[in-house]
């Protein structure tokens, strides 16, 4: 599914591009948990995806 994202969501667009690239080229090397992440991530609404990517890339160690 291709969703047109606002320019300020460049980080989500880049992350989704990277995930698609990995899935396309290395799916056979991924662990079950990694494949499950790819499948689950792609089913999330884009605001949820954006939040997760921001949290992953943030420098904070703990989110409360």
PDB file of N, CA and C in Angstrom:
ATOM      1  N   UNK A   1       0.850  -1.171   0.000  1.00  0.00           N
ATOM      2  CA  UNK A   1       0.000   0.000   0.000  1.00  0.00           C
ATOM      3  C   UNK A   1       0.894   1.233   0.000  1.00  0.00           C
ATOM      4  N   UNK A   2       0.635   2.133  -0.908  1.00  0.00           N
ATOM      5  CA  UNK A   2       1.417   3.356  -0.991  1.00  0.00           C
ATOM      6  C   UNK A   2       0.567   4.524  -0.514  1.00  0.00           C
ATOM      7  N   UNK A   3       1.008   5.142   0.548  1.00  0.00           N
ATOM      8  CA  UNK A   3       0.301   6.283   1.108  1.00  0.00           C
ATOM      9  C   UNK A   3       1.162   7.515   0.886  1.00  0.00           C
ATOM     10  N   UNK A   4       0.570   8.564   0.370  1.00  0.00           N
ATOM     11  CA  UNK A   4       1.302   9.807   0.175  1.00  0.00           C
ATOM     12  C   UNK A   4       1.453  10.497   1.532  1.00  0.00           C
ATOM     13  N   UNK A   5       2.692  10.671   1.948  1.00  0.00           N
ATOM     14  CA  UNK A   5       2.972  11.252   3.255  1.00  0.00           C
ATOM     15  C   UNK A   5       3.419  12.702   3.110  1.00  0.00           C
ATOM     16  N   UNK A   6       3.101  13.495   4.125  1.00  0.00           N
ATOM     17  CA  UNK A   6       3.537  14.889   4.156  1.00  0.00           C
ATOM     18  C   UNK A   6       5.065  14.944   4.227  1.00  0.00           C
ATOM     19  N   UNK A   7       5.685  15.981   3.685  1.00  0.00           N
ATOM     20  CA  UNK A   7       7.145  16.091   3.692  1.00  0.00           C
ATOM     21  C   UNK A   7       7.759  16.001   5.088  1.00  0.00           C
ATOM     22  N   UNK A   8       7.042  16.457   6.106  1.00  0.00           N
ATOM     23  CA  UNK A   8       7.604  16.396   7.460  1.00  0.00           C
ATOM     24  C   UNK A   8       7.673  14.972   8.000  1.00  0.00           C
ATOM     25  N   UNK A   9       7.080  14.028   7.291  1.00  0.00           N
ATOM     26  CA  UNK A   9       7.150  12.615   7.690  1.00  0.00           C
ATOM     27  C   UNK A   9       8.226  11.874   6.890  1.00  0.00           C
ATOM     28  N   UNK A  10       9.256  12.595   6.473  1.00  0.00           N
ATOM     29  CA  UNK A  10      10.339  11.998   5.695  1.00  0.00           C
ATOM     30  C   UNK A  10      10.950  10.786   6.395  1.00  0.00           C
ATOM     31  N   UNK A  11      11.033  10.840   7.728  1.00  0.00           N
ATOM     32  CA  UNK A  11      11.640   9.750   8.483  1.00  0.00           C
ATOM     33  C   UNK A  11      10.813   8.473   8.352  1.00  0.00           C
ATOM     34  N   UNK A  12       9.498   8.597   8.315  1.00  0.00           N
ATOM     35  CA  UNK A  12       8.639   7.427   8.136  1.00  0.00           C
ATOM     36  C   UNK A  12       8.769   6.900   6.715  1.00  0.00           C
ATOM     37  N   UNK A  13       8.793   7.783   5.762  1.00  0.00           N
ATOM     38  CA  UNK A  13       8.964   7.373   4.371  1.00  0.00           C
ATOM     39  C   UNK A  13      10.279   6.630   4.185  1.00  0.00           C
ATOM     40  N   UNK A  14      11.345   7.159   4.761  1.00  0.00           N
ATOM     41  CA  UNK A  14      12.658   6.505   4.666  1.00  0.00           C
ATOM     42  C   UNK A  14      12.653   5.144   5.349  1.00  0.00           C
ATOM     43  N   UNK A  15      12.024   5.048   6.511  1.00  0.00           N
ATOM     44  CA  UNK A  15      11.963   3.788   7.256  1.00  0.00           C
ATOM     45  C   UNK A  15      11.178   2.749   6.459  1.00  0.00           C
ATOM     46  N   UNK A  16      10.049   3.153   5.895  1.00  0.00           N
ATOM     47  CA  UNK A  16       9.233   2.227   5.112  1.00  0.00           C
ATOM     48  C   UNK A  16       9.979   1.764   3.866  1.00  0.00           C
ATOM     49  N   UNK A  17      10.736   2.666   3.248  1.00  0.00           N
ATOM     50  CA  UNK A  17      11.542   2.295   2.087  1.00  0.00           C
ATOM     51  C   UNK A  17      12.601   1.273   2.479  1.00  0.00           C
ATOM     52  N   UNK A  18      13.247   1.493   3.614  1.00  0.00           N
ATOM     53  CA  UNK A  18      14.267   0.560   4.094  1.00  0.00           C
ATOM     54  C   UNK A  18      13.662  -0.802   4.411  1.00  0.00           C
ATOM     55  N   UNK A  19      12.512  -0.823   5.072  1.00  0.00           N
ATOM     56  CA  UNK A  19      11.855  -2.093   5.384  1.00  0.00           C
ATOM     57  C   UNK A  19      11.482  -2.849   4.110  1.00  0.00           C
ATOM     58  N   UNK A  20      10.949  -2.148   3.136  1.00  0.00           N
ATOM     59  CA  UNK A  20      10.565  -2.782   1.873  1.00  0.00           C
ATOM     60  C   UNK A  20      11.784  -3.361   1.171  1.00  0.00           C
ATOM     61  N   UNK A  21      12.890  -2.618   1.201  1.00  0.00           N
ATOM     62  CA  UNK A  21      14.133  -3.072   0.575  1.00  0.00           C
ATOM     63  C   UNK A  21      14.641  -4.350   1.247  1.00  0.00           C
ATOM     64  N   UNK A  22      14.642  -4.359   2.576  1.00  0.00           N
ATOM     65  CA  UNK A  22      15.088  -5.541   3.317  1.00  0.00           C
ATOM     66  C   UNK A  22      14.159  -6.722   3.034  1.00  0.00           C
ATOM     67  N   UNK A  23      12.862  -6.498   3.070  1.00  0.00           N
ATOM     68  CA  UNK A  23      11.892  -7.576   2.840  1.00  0.00           C
ATOM     69  C   UNK A  23      12.034  -8.155   1.433  1.00  0.00           C
ATOM     70  N   UNK A  24      12.284  -7.294   0.472  1.00  0.00           N
ATOM     71  CA  UNK A  24      12.406  -7.739  -0.912  1.00  0.00           C
ATOM     72  C   UNK A  24      13.671  -8.554  -1.142  1.00  0.00           C
ATOM     73  N   UNK A  25      14.759  -8.163  -0.526  1.00  0.00           N
ATOM     74  CA  UNK A  25      16.041  -8.798  -0.807  1.00  0.00           C
ATOM     75  C   UNK A  25      16.459  -9.876   0.186  1.00  0.00           C
ATOM     76  N   UNK A  26      16.011  -9.772   1.426  1.00  0.00           N
ATOM     77  CA  UNK A  26      16.527 -10.662   2.458  1.00  0.00           C
ATOM     78  C   UNK A  26      15.450 -11.376   3.271  1.00  0.00           C
ATOM     79  N   UNK A  27      14.248 -11.475   2.742  1.00  0.00           N
ATOM     80  CA  UNK A  27      13.149 -12.109   3.484  1.00  0.00           C
ATOM     81  C   UNK A  27      13.515 -13.519   3.942  1.00  0.00           C
ATOM     82  N   UNK A  28      14.248 -14.241   3.120  1.00  0.00           N
ATOM     83  CA  UNK A  28      14.604 -15.619   3.464  1.00  0.00           C
ATOM     84  C   UNK A  28      15.614 -15.698   4.607  1.00  0.00           C
ATOM     85  N   UNK A  29      16.268 -14.607   4.933  1.00  0.00           N
ATOM     86  CA  UNK A  29      17.256 -14.586   6.020  1.00  0.00           C
ATOM     87  C   UNK A  29      16.684 -14.064   7.335  1.00  0.00           C
ATOM     88  N   UNK A  30      15.466 -13.533   7.301  1.00  0.00           N
ATOM     89  CA  UNK A  30      14.880 -12.943   8.498  1.00  0.00           C
ATOM     90  C   UNK A  30      14.335 -14.020   9.435  1.00  0.00           C
ATOM     91  N   UNK A  31      14.450 -13.752  10.719  1.00  0.00           N
ATOM     92  CA  UNK A  31      13.859 -14.627  11.738  1.00  0.00           C
ATOM     93  C   UNK A  31      12.341 -14.452  11.708  1.00  0.00           C
ATOM     94  N   UNK A  32      11.647 -15.413  12.292  1.00  0.00           N
ATOM     95  CA  UNK A  32      10.183 -15.341  12.344  1.00  0.00           C
ATOM     96  C   UNK A  32       9.702 -14.050  12.990  1.00  0.00           C
ATOM     97  N   UNK A  33      10.367 -13.626  14.064  1.00  0.00           N
ATOM     98  CA  UNK A  33       9.983 -12.398  14.766  1.00  0.00           C
ATOM     99  C   UNK A  33      10.164 -11.178  13.876  1.00  0.00           C
ATOM    100  N   UNK A  34      11.217 -11.183  13.076  1.00  0.00           N
ATOM    101  CA  UNK A  34      11.474 -10.050  12.182  1.00  0.00           C
ATOM    102  C   UNK A  34      10.438  -9.990  11.065  1.00  0.00           C
ATOM    103  N   UNK A  35      10.087 -11.148  10.506  1.00  0.00           N
ATOM    104  CA  UNK A  35       9.033 -11.182   9.489  1.00  0.00           C
ATOM    105  C   UNK A  35       7.702 -10.741  10.081  1.00  0.00           C
ATOM    106  N   UNK A  36       7.430 -11.163  11.310  1.00  0.00           N
ATOM    107  CA  UNK A  36       6.179 -10.762  11.983  1.00  0.00           C
ATOM    108  C   UNK A  36       6.145  -9.250  12.181  1.00  0.00           C
ATOM    109  N   UNK A  37       7.302  -8.658  12.540  1.00  0.00           N
ATOM    110  CA  UNK A  37       7.358  -7.204  12.685  1.00  0.00           C
ATOM    111  C   UNK A  37       7.016  -6.518  11.366  1.00  0.00           C
ATOM    112  N   UNK A  38       7.619  -6.981  10.271  1.00  0.00           N
ATOM    113  CA  UNK A  38       7.343  -6.387   8.964  1.00  0.00           C
ATOM    114  C   UNK A  38       5.854  -6.468   8.639  1.00  0.00           C
ATOM    115  N   UNK A  39       5.263  -7.632   8.857  1.00  0.00           N
ATOM    116  CA  UNK A  39       3.845  -7.811   8.554  1.00  0.00           C
ATOM    117  C   UNK A  39       2.970  -6.926   9.435  1.00  0.00           C
ATOM    118  N   UNK A  40       3.271  -6.885  10.717  1.00  0.00           N
ATOM    119  CA  UNK A  40       2.468  -6.104  11.658  1.00  0.00           C
ATOM    120  C   UNK A  40       2.639  -4.609  11.416  1.00  0.00           C
ATOM    121  N   UNK A  41       3.866  -4.167  11.228  1.00  0.00           N
ATOM    122  CA  UNK A  41       4.128  -2.746  11.005  1.00  0.00           C
ATOM    123  C   UNK A  41       3.333  -2.228   9.815  1.00  0.00           C
ATOM    124  N   UNK A  42       3.305  -3.009   8.755  1.00  0.00           N
ATOM    125  CA  UNK A  42       2.615  -2.573   7.535  1.00  0.00           C
ATOM    126  C   UNK A  42       1.102  -2.511   7.687  1.00  0.00           C
ATOM    127  N   UNK A  43       0.552  -3.151   8.707  1.00  0.00           N
ATOM    128  CA  UNK A  43      -0.898  -3.092   8.915  1.00  0.00           C
ATOM    129  C   UNK A  43      -1.311  -1.927   9.814  1.00  0.00           C
ATOM    130  N   UNK A  44      -0.354  -1.302  10.483  1.00  0.00           N
ATOM    131  CA  UNK A  44      -0.659  -0.182  11.372  1.00  0.00           C
ATOM    132  C   UNK A  44      -1.056   1.051  10.565  1.00  0.00           C
ATOM    133  N   UNK A  45      -1.935   1.887  11.106  1.00  0.00           N
ATOM    134  CA  UNK A  45      -2.228   3.173  10.451  1.00  0.00           C
ATOM    135  C   UNK A  45      -0.953   4.026  10.430  1.00  0.00           C
ATOM    136  N   UNK A  46      -0.820   4.890   9.434  1.00  0.00           N
ATOM    137  CA  UNK A  46       0.435   5.649   9.309  1.00  0.00           C
ATOM    138  C   UNK A  46       0.753   6.515  10.526  1.00  0.00           C
ATOM    139  N   UNK A  47      -0.218   7.079  11.252  1.00  0.00           N
ATOM    140  CA  UNK A  47       0.170   7.841  12.453  1.00  0.00           C
ATOM    141  C   UNK A  47       0.851   6.951  13.508  1.00  0.00           C
ATOM    142  N   UNK A  48       0.392   5.712  13.621  1.00  0.00           N
ATOM    143  CA  UNK A  48       1.012   4.775  14.564  1.00  0.00           C
ATOM    144  C   UNK A  48       2.413   4.404  14.097  1.00  0.00           C
ATOM    145  N   UNK A  49       2.561   4.202  12.799  1.00  0.00           N
ATOM    146  CA  UNK A  49       3.887   3.911  12.254  1.00  0.00           C
ATOM    147  C   UNK A  49       4.841   5.068  12.533  1.00  0.00           C
ATOM    148  N   UNK A  50       4.350   6.286  12.298  1.00  0.00           N
ATOM    149  CA  UNK A  50       5.192   7.473  12.504  1.00  0.00           C
ATOM    150  C   UNK A  50       5.624   7.593  13.956  1.00  0.00           C
ATOM    151  N   UNK A  51       4.709   7.354  14.883  1.00  0.00           N
ATOM    152  CA  UNK A  51       5.047   7.430  16.306  1.00  0.00           C
ATOM    153  C   UNK A  51       6.090   6.390  16.671  1.00  0.00           C
ATOM    154  N   UNK A  52       5.913   5.166  16.216  1.00  0.00           N
ATOM    155  CA  UNK A  52       6.874   4.109  16.525  1.00  0.00           C
ATOM    156  C   UNK A  52       8.257   4.445  15.984  1.00  0.00           C
ATOM    157  N   UNK A  53       8.320   4.917  14.750  1.00  0.00           N
ATOM    158  CA  UNK A  53       9.618   5.264  14.152  1.00  0.00           C
ATOM    159  C   UNK A  53      10.273   6.402  14.922  1.00  0.00           C
ATOM    160  N   UNK A  54       9.491   7.393  15.329  1.00  0.00           N
ATOM    161  CA  UNK A  54      10.053   8.505  16.113  1.00  0.00           C
ATOM    162  C   UNK A  54      10.587   7.999  17.452  1.00  0.00           C
ATOM    163  N   UNK A  55       9.857   7.090  18.086  1.00  0.00           N
ATOM    164  CA  UNK A  55      10.299   6.554  19.376  1.00  0.00           C
ATOM    165  C   UNK A  55      11.563   5.711  19.209  1.00  0.00           C
ATOM    166  N   UNK A  56      11.634   4.930  18.139  1.00  0.00           N
ATOM    167  CA  UNK A  56      12.817   4.108  17.884  1.00  0.00           C
ATOM    168  C   UNK A  56      14.036   4.992  17.653  1.00  0.00           C
ATOM    169  N   UNK A  57      13.841   6.090  16.942  1.00  0.00           N
ATOM    170  CA  UNK A  57      14.982   6.936  16.570  1.00  0.00           C
ATOM    171  C   UNK A  57      15.300   8.002  17.618  1.00  0.00           C
ATOM    172  N   UNK A  58      14.465   8.116  18.636  1.00  0.00           N
ATOM    173  CA  UNK A  58      14.721   9.124  19.691  1.00  0.00           C
ATOM    174  C   UNK A  58      15.910   8.718  20.536  1.00  0.00           C
ATOM    175  N   UNK A  59      16.530   9.667  21.154  1.00  0.00           N
ATOM    176  CA  UNK A  59      17.689   9.410  21.998  1.00  0.00           C
ATOM    177  C   UNK A  59      17.308   9.044  23.421  1.00  0.00           C
ATOM    178  N   UNK A  60      16.053   9.242  23.778  1.00  0.00           N
ATOM    179  CA  UNK A  60      15.602   8.902  25.134  1.00  0.00           C
ATOM    180  C   UNK A  60      15.630   7.381  25.313  1.00  0.00           C
ATOM    181  N   UNK A  61      15.944   6.968  26.515  1.00  0.00           N
ATOM    182  CA  UNK A  61      16.046   5.540  26.800  1.00  0.00           C
ATOM    183  C   UNK A  61      14.701   4.968  27.234  1.00  0.00           C
ATOM    184  N   UNK A  62      13.926   5.742  27.977  1.00  0.00           N
ATOM    185  CA  UNK A  62      12.688   5.253  28.551  1.00  0.00           C
ATOM    186  C   UNK A  62      11.531   6.154  28.123  1.00  0.00           C
ATOM    187  N   UNK A  63      10.431   5.525  27.709  1.00  0.00           N
ATOM    188  CA  UNK A  63       9.204   6.249  27.414  1.00  0.00           C
ATOM    189  C   UNK A  63       8.170   5.812  28.432  1.00  0.00           C
ATOM    190  N   UNK A  64       7.553   6.757  29.083  1.00  0.00           N
ATOM    191  CA  UNK A  64       6.579   6.442  30.115  1.00  0.00           C
ATOM    192  C   UNK A  64       5.185   6.742  29.629  1.00  0.00           C
TER     193      UNK A  64
END
